[in-house]
N, C-alpha and C. Protein backbone atom coordinates (compact mmCIF):
# COMPACT_ATOMS: atom_id res chain seq x y z
N UNK A 1 -23.88 -60.87 73.16
CA UNK A 1 -24.39 -59.59 73.54
C UNK A 1 -23.48 -58.46 73.06
N UNK A 2 -22.23 -58.72 72.89
CA UNK A 2 -21.29 -57.72 72.43
C UNK A 2 -21.56 -57.29 71.01
N UNK A 3 -21.97 -58.24 70.15
CA UNK A 3 -22.25 -57.90 68.75
C UNK A 3 -23.50 -57.03 68.62
N UNK A 4 -24.51 -57.30 69.45
CA UNK A 4 -25.74 -56.51 69.37
C UNK A 4 -25.49 -55.08 69.84
N UNK A 5 -24.65 -54.90 70.83
CA UNK A 5 -24.33 -53.54 71.31
C UNK A 5 -23.51 -52.80 70.25
N UNK A 6 -22.63 -53.54 69.56
CA UNK A 6 -21.82 -52.92 68.51
C UNK A 6 -22.73 -52.46 67.37
N UNK A 7 -23.72 -53.29 66.99
CA UNK A 7 -24.65 -52.94 65.92
C UNK A 7 -25.49 -51.73 66.34
N UNK A 8 -25.89 -51.67 67.60
CA UNK A 8 -26.67 -50.54 68.10
C UNK A 8 -25.85 -49.25 68.05
N UNK A 9 -24.59 -49.33 68.43
CA UNK A 9 -23.72 -48.15 68.39
C UNK A 9 -23.56 -47.65 66.94
N UNK A 10 -23.38 -48.57 66.00
CA UNK A 10 -23.23 -48.19 64.60
C UNK A 10 -24.51 -47.54 64.09
N UNK A 11 -25.67 -48.12 64.45
CA UNK A 11 -26.95 -47.56 64.02
C UNK A 11 -27.14 -46.15 64.57
N UNK A 12 -26.79 -45.93 65.83
CA UNK A 12 -26.92 -44.61 66.44
C UNK A 12 -26.00 -43.61 65.75
N UNK A 13 -24.79 -43.98 65.43
CA UNK A 13 -23.85 -43.09 64.76
C UNK A 13 -24.35 -42.73 63.36
N UNK A 14 -24.84 -43.74 62.62
CA UNK A 14 -25.35 -43.50 61.26
C UNK A 14 -26.57 -42.58 61.30
N UNK A 15 -27.51 -42.82 62.23
CA UNK A 15 -28.69 -41.97 62.33
C UNK A 15 -28.32 -40.55 62.75
N UNK A 16 -27.36 -40.41 63.63
CA UNK A 16 -26.90 -39.07 64.03
C UNK A 16 -26.30 -38.33 62.86
N UNK A 17 -25.52 -39.04 62.05
CA UNK A 17 -24.92 -38.41 60.86
C UNK A 17 -26.00 -38.01 59.87
N UNK A 18 -27.03 -38.84 59.70
CA UNK A 18 -28.14 -38.48 58.79
C UNK A 18 -28.87 -37.24 59.28
N UNK A 19 -29.06 -37.11 60.59
CA UNK A 19 -29.72 -35.92 61.13
C UNK A 19 -28.89 -34.67 60.84
N UNK A 20 -27.58 -34.77 61.02
CA UNK A 20 -26.70 -33.62 60.79
C UNK A 20 -26.72 -33.24 59.30
N UNK A 21 -26.64 -34.22 58.41
CA UNK A 21 -26.63 -33.96 56.98
C UNK A 21 -27.99 -33.38 56.55
N UNK A 22 -29.09 -33.92 57.05
CA UNK A 22 -30.42 -33.41 56.70
C UNK A 22 -30.63 -31.99 57.17
N UNK A 23 -30.20 -31.69 58.38
CA UNK A 23 -30.34 -30.34 58.92
C UNK A 23 -29.50 -29.35 58.10
N UNK A 24 -28.30 -29.75 57.73
CA UNK A 24 -27.43 -28.89 56.94
C UNK A 24 -28.05 -28.62 55.57
N UNK A 25 -28.58 -29.66 54.95
CA UNK A 25 -29.22 -29.49 53.64
C UNK A 25 -30.44 -28.56 53.74
N UNK A 26 -31.23 -28.70 54.79
CA UNK A 26 -32.39 -27.84 54.98
C UNK A 26 -31.99 -26.38 55.15
N UNK A 27 -30.95 -26.13 55.91
CA UNK A 27 -30.48 -24.76 56.12
C UNK A 27 -29.98 -24.16 54.80
N UNK A 28 -29.25 -24.97 54.00
CA UNK A 28 -28.73 -24.49 52.72
C UNK A 28 -29.88 -24.13 51.78
N UNK A 29 -30.92 -24.96 51.73
CA UNK A 29 -32.06 -24.70 50.85
C UNK A 29 -32.80 -23.44 51.28
N UNK A 30 -33.02 -23.27 52.58
CA UNK A 30 -33.72 -22.08 53.07
C UNK A 30 -32.93 -20.82 52.76
N UNK A 31 -31.63 -20.83 53.00
CA UNK A 31 -30.78 -19.66 52.72
C UNK A 31 -30.79 -19.36 51.21
N UNK A 32 -30.72 -20.39 50.39
CA UNK A 32 -30.74 -20.20 48.93
C UNK A 32 -32.05 -19.56 48.48
N UNK A 33 -33.16 -20.03 49.01
CA UNK A 33 -34.46 -19.48 48.62
C UNK A 33 -34.65 -18.04 49.11
N UNK A 34 -34.08 -17.72 50.26
CA UNK A 34 -34.22 -16.37 50.79
C UNK A 34 -33.36 -15.37 50.00
N UNK A 35 -32.22 -15.82 49.49
CA UNK A 35 -31.32 -14.89 48.81
C UNK A 35 -31.54 -14.81 47.31
N UNK A 36 -32.25 -15.78 46.72
CA UNK A 36 -32.47 -15.73 45.27
C UNK A 36 -33.78 -14.98 45.00
N UNK A 37 -33.87 -14.30 43.84
CA UNK A 37 -35.11 -13.57 43.53
C UNK A 37 -36.23 -14.56 43.23
N UNK A 38 -37.47 -14.19 43.53
CA UNK A 38 -38.59 -15.09 43.23
C UNK A 38 -38.74 -15.29 41.73
N UNK A 39 -39.09 -16.52 41.35
CA UNK A 39 -39.13 -16.86 39.92
C UNK A 39 -40.51 -16.66 39.32
N UNK A 40 -41.56 -16.47 40.12
CA UNK A 40 -42.92 -16.36 39.59
C UNK A 40 -43.41 -14.93 39.48
N UNK A 41 -42.57 -13.97 39.80
CA UNK A 41 -42.98 -12.58 39.76
C UNK A 41 -42.94 -12.10 38.30
N UNK A 42 -44.05 -11.54 37.85
CA UNK A 42 -44.14 -11.04 36.49
C UNK A 42 -44.12 -9.53 36.56
N UNK A 43 -43.18 -8.91 35.86
CA UNK A 43 -43.14 -7.46 35.82
C UNK A 43 -43.91 -6.98 34.60
N UNK A 44 -44.85 -6.11 34.83
CA UNK A 44 -45.67 -5.57 33.75
C UNK A 44 -45.09 -4.25 33.27
N UNK A 45 -45.30 -3.95 32.00
CA UNK A 45 -44.81 -2.66 31.49
C UNK A 45 -45.55 -1.50 32.16
N UNK A 46 -44.94 -0.32 32.14
CA UNK A 46 -45.53 0.86 32.78
C UNK A 46 -46.85 1.24 32.13
N UNK A 47 -46.95 1.06 30.83
CA UNK A 47 -48.20 1.33 30.14
C UNK A 47 -48.44 0.23 29.11
N UNK A 48 -49.71 0.01 28.80
CA UNK A 48 -50.08 -1.05 27.87
C UNK A 48 -51.20 -0.55 26.98
N UNK A 49 -51.03 -0.71 25.69
CA UNK A 49 -52.06 -0.34 24.74
C UNK A 49 -52.52 -1.61 24.02
N UNK A 50 -53.82 -1.89 24.10
CA UNK A 50 -54.37 -3.08 23.42
C UNK A 50 -55.72 -2.71 22.83
N UNK A 51 -55.98 -3.20 21.63
CA UNK A 51 -57.26 -3.00 20.97
C UNK A 51 -58.03 -4.30 21.10
N UNK A 52 -59.23 -4.23 21.72
CA UNK A 52 -60.00 -5.45 21.98
C UNK A 52 -61.02 -5.77 20.91
N UNK A 53 -61.39 -4.82 20.06
CA UNK A 53 -62.38 -5.03 19.00
C UNK A 53 -63.66 -5.67 19.55
N UNK A 54 -64.27 -5.02 20.52
CA UNK A 54 -65.51 -5.50 21.13
C UNK A 54 -66.68 -4.67 20.65
N UNK A 55 -67.91 -5.22 20.68
CA UNK A 55 -69.07 -4.46 20.21
C UNK A 55 -69.39 -3.27 21.12
N UNK A 56 -70.17 -2.35 20.59
CA UNK A 56 -70.55 -1.16 21.37
C UNK A 56 -71.34 -1.59 22.59
N UNK A 57 -71.20 -0.88 23.67
CA UNK A 57 -71.90 -1.21 24.91
C UNK A 57 -71.09 -2.12 25.82
N UNK A 58 -69.92 -2.53 25.40
CA UNK A 58 -69.07 -3.41 26.21
C UNK A 58 -68.35 -2.57 27.25
N UNK A 59 -68.31 -3.09 28.47
CA UNK A 59 -67.56 -2.39 29.52
C UNK A 59 -66.67 -3.37 30.24
N UNK A 60 -65.59 -2.88 30.80
CA UNK A 60 -64.65 -3.71 31.56
C UNK A 60 -65.18 -3.84 32.98
N UNK A 61 -65.44 -5.09 33.41
CA UNK A 61 -65.96 -5.34 34.74
C UNK A 61 -64.83 -5.64 35.73
N UNK A 62 -63.71 -6.11 35.23
CA UNK A 62 -62.61 -6.40 36.13
C UNK A 62 -61.36 -6.80 35.37
N UNK A 63 -60.21 -6.62 36.03
CA UNK A 63 -58.92 -6.99 35.45
C UNK A 63 -58.14 -7.74 36.51
N UNK A 64 -57.49 -8.83 36.11
CA UNK A 64 -56.66 -9.61 37.04
C UNK A 64 -55.42 -10.10 36.31
N UNK A 65 -54.30 -10.15 37.04
CA UNK A 65 -53.08 -10.74 36.49
C UNK A 65 -53.12 -12.23 36.73
N UNK A 66 -52.94 -13.00 35.66
CA UNK A 66 -52.96 -14.46 35.73
C UNK A 66 -51.67 -14.96 35.10
N UNK A 67 -50.75 -15.43 35.94
CA UNK A 67 -49.40 -15.85 35.51
C UNK A 67 -48.77 -14.77 34.65
N UNK A 68 -48.58 -15.02 33.36
CA UNK A 68 -47.93 -14.03 32.50
C UNK A 68 -48.94 -13.37 31.56
N UNK A 69 -50.22 -13.34 31.95
CA UNK A 69 -51.28 -12.75 31.13
C UNK A 69 -52.11 -11.81 31.99
N UNK A 70 -52.87 -10.93 31.31
CA UNK A 70 -53.88 -10.11 31.97
C UNK A 70 -55.23 -10.67 31.57
N UNK A 71 -56.08 -10.95 32.52
CA UNK A 71 -57.45 -11.42 32.26
C UNK A 71 -58.38 -10.23 32.43
N UNK A 72 -59.11 -9.88 31.39
CA UNK A 72 -60.03 -8.74 31.43
C UNK A 72 -61.44 -9.28 31.29
N UNK A 73 -62.27 -9.04 32.31
CA UNK A 73 -63.66 -9.48 32.26
C UNK A 73 -64.49 -8.41 31.61
N UNK A 74 -65.23 -8.79 30.57
CA UNK A 74 -66.03 -7.84 29.81
C UNK A 74 -67.51 -8.19 29.96
N UNK A 75 -68.35 -7.15 30.09
CA UNK A 75 -69.80 -7.32 30.18
C UNK A 75 -70.46 -6.39 29.18
N UNK A 76 -71.67 -6.78 28.74
CA UNK A 76 -72.41 -5.98 27.77
C UNK A 76 -71.95 -6.27 26.37
N UNK A 77 -72.81 -5.91 25.41
CA UNK A 77 -72.45 -6.17 24.01
C UNK A 77 -72.45 -7.64 23.67
N UNK A 78 -73.25 -8.43 24.37
CA UNK A 78 -73.29 -9.88 24.13
C UNK A 78 -73.08 -10.61 25.45
N UNK A 79 -72.72 -11.87 25.34
CA UNK A 79 -72.49 -12.69 26.54
C UNK A 79 -71.27 -12.16 27.30
N UNK A 80 -71.28 -12.35 28.63
CA UNK A 80 -70.11 -11.98 29.41
C UNK A 80 -68.92 -12.83 28.95
N UNK A 81 -67.75 -12.25 29.01
CA UNK A 81 -66.58 -12.96 28.51
C UNK A 81 -65.33 -12.46 29.21
N UNK A 82 -64.26 -13.27 29.08
CA UNK A 82 -62.94 -12.92 29.60
C UNK A 82 -61.97 -12.95 28.43
N UNK A 83 -61.19 -11.89 28.29
CA UNK A 83 -60.19 -11.80 27.24
C UNK A 83 -58.82 -11.85 27.89
N UNK A 84 -57.93 -12.70 27.38
CA UNK A 84 -56.58 -12.82 27.91
C UNK A 84 -55.63 -12.04 27.00
N UNK A 85 -54.80 -11.18 27.62
CA UNK A 85 -53.89 -10.33 26.87
C UNK A 85 -52.46 -10.57 27.34
N UNK A 86 -51.55 -10.63 26.38
CA UNK A 86 -50.12 -10.72 26.70
C UNK A 86 -49.62 -9.31 26.97
N UNK A 87 -49.22 -9.00 28.20
CA UNK A 87 -48.82 -7.62 28.50
C UNK A 87 -47.54 -7.19 27.81
N UNK A 88 -46.72 -8.10 27.37
CA UNK A 88 -45.48 -7.73 26.69
C UNK A 88 -45.77 -7.17 25.31
N UNK A 89 -46.76 -7.74 24.61
CA UNK A 89 -47.05 -7.31 23.23
C UNK A 89 -48.36 -6.58 23.07
N UNK A 90 -49.30 -6.74 24.03
CA UNK A 90 -50.62 -6.16 23.92
C UNK A 90 -51.56 -6.98 23.05
N UNK A 91 -51.12 -8.17 22.62
CA UNK A 91 -51.93 -9.01 21.75
C UNK A 91 -52.92 -9.83 22.56
N UNK A 92 -54.10 -10.06 21.97
CA UNK A 92 -55.10 -10.93 22.59
C UNK A 92 -54.66 -12.35 22.37
N UNK A 93 -54.50 -13.12 23.48
CA UNK A 93 -54.03 -14.51 23.38
C UNK A 93 -55.15 -15.52 23.58
N UNK A 94 -56.30 -15.08 24.05
CA UNK A 94 -57.40 -16.03 24.23
C UNK A 94 -58.69 -15.33 24.63
N UNK A 95 -59.80 -16.02 24.38
CA UNK A 95 -61.13 -15.51 24.75
C UNK A 95 -61.91 -16.65 25.40
N UNK A 96 -62.59 -16.31 26.47
CA UNK A 96 -63.43 -17.29 27.17
C UNK A 96 -64.83 -16.67 27.28
N UNK A 97 -65.82 -17.36 26.75
CA UNK A 97 -67.19 -16.87 26.80
C UNK A 97 -67.87 -17.45 28.04
N UNK A 98 -68.55 -16.60 28.81
CA UNK A 98 -69.24 -17.01 30.02
C UNK A 98 -70.73 -17.07 29.73
N UNK A 99 -71.27 -18.27 29.53
CA UNK A 99 -72.66 -18.46 29.17
C UNK A 99 -73.45 -18.71 30.45
N UNK A 100 -74.60 -18.04 30.57
CA UNK A 100 -75.44 -18.23 31.76
C UNK A 100 -76.45 -19.29 31.54
């Protein structure tokens, strides 16, 4: 019976140490995330000039920031479509046609 109690004491000490180490690691991670700047924030330039080369009658229905791109929804002048623009350069990086 002495050996089983000794094993139980060792197990309790090891588990207690794991709880302390885990709690310390969690606190360090939370403090690090609170003090470091967010990594997914995209800063856009104050002004942006882009030429879309779309047909007459096209209008902008909506604009949304998508990761590091601007998605511009266009209507009229053909099928509805979304144009992706790189805000750093103003270049068109992609086109998505929305077929009904």
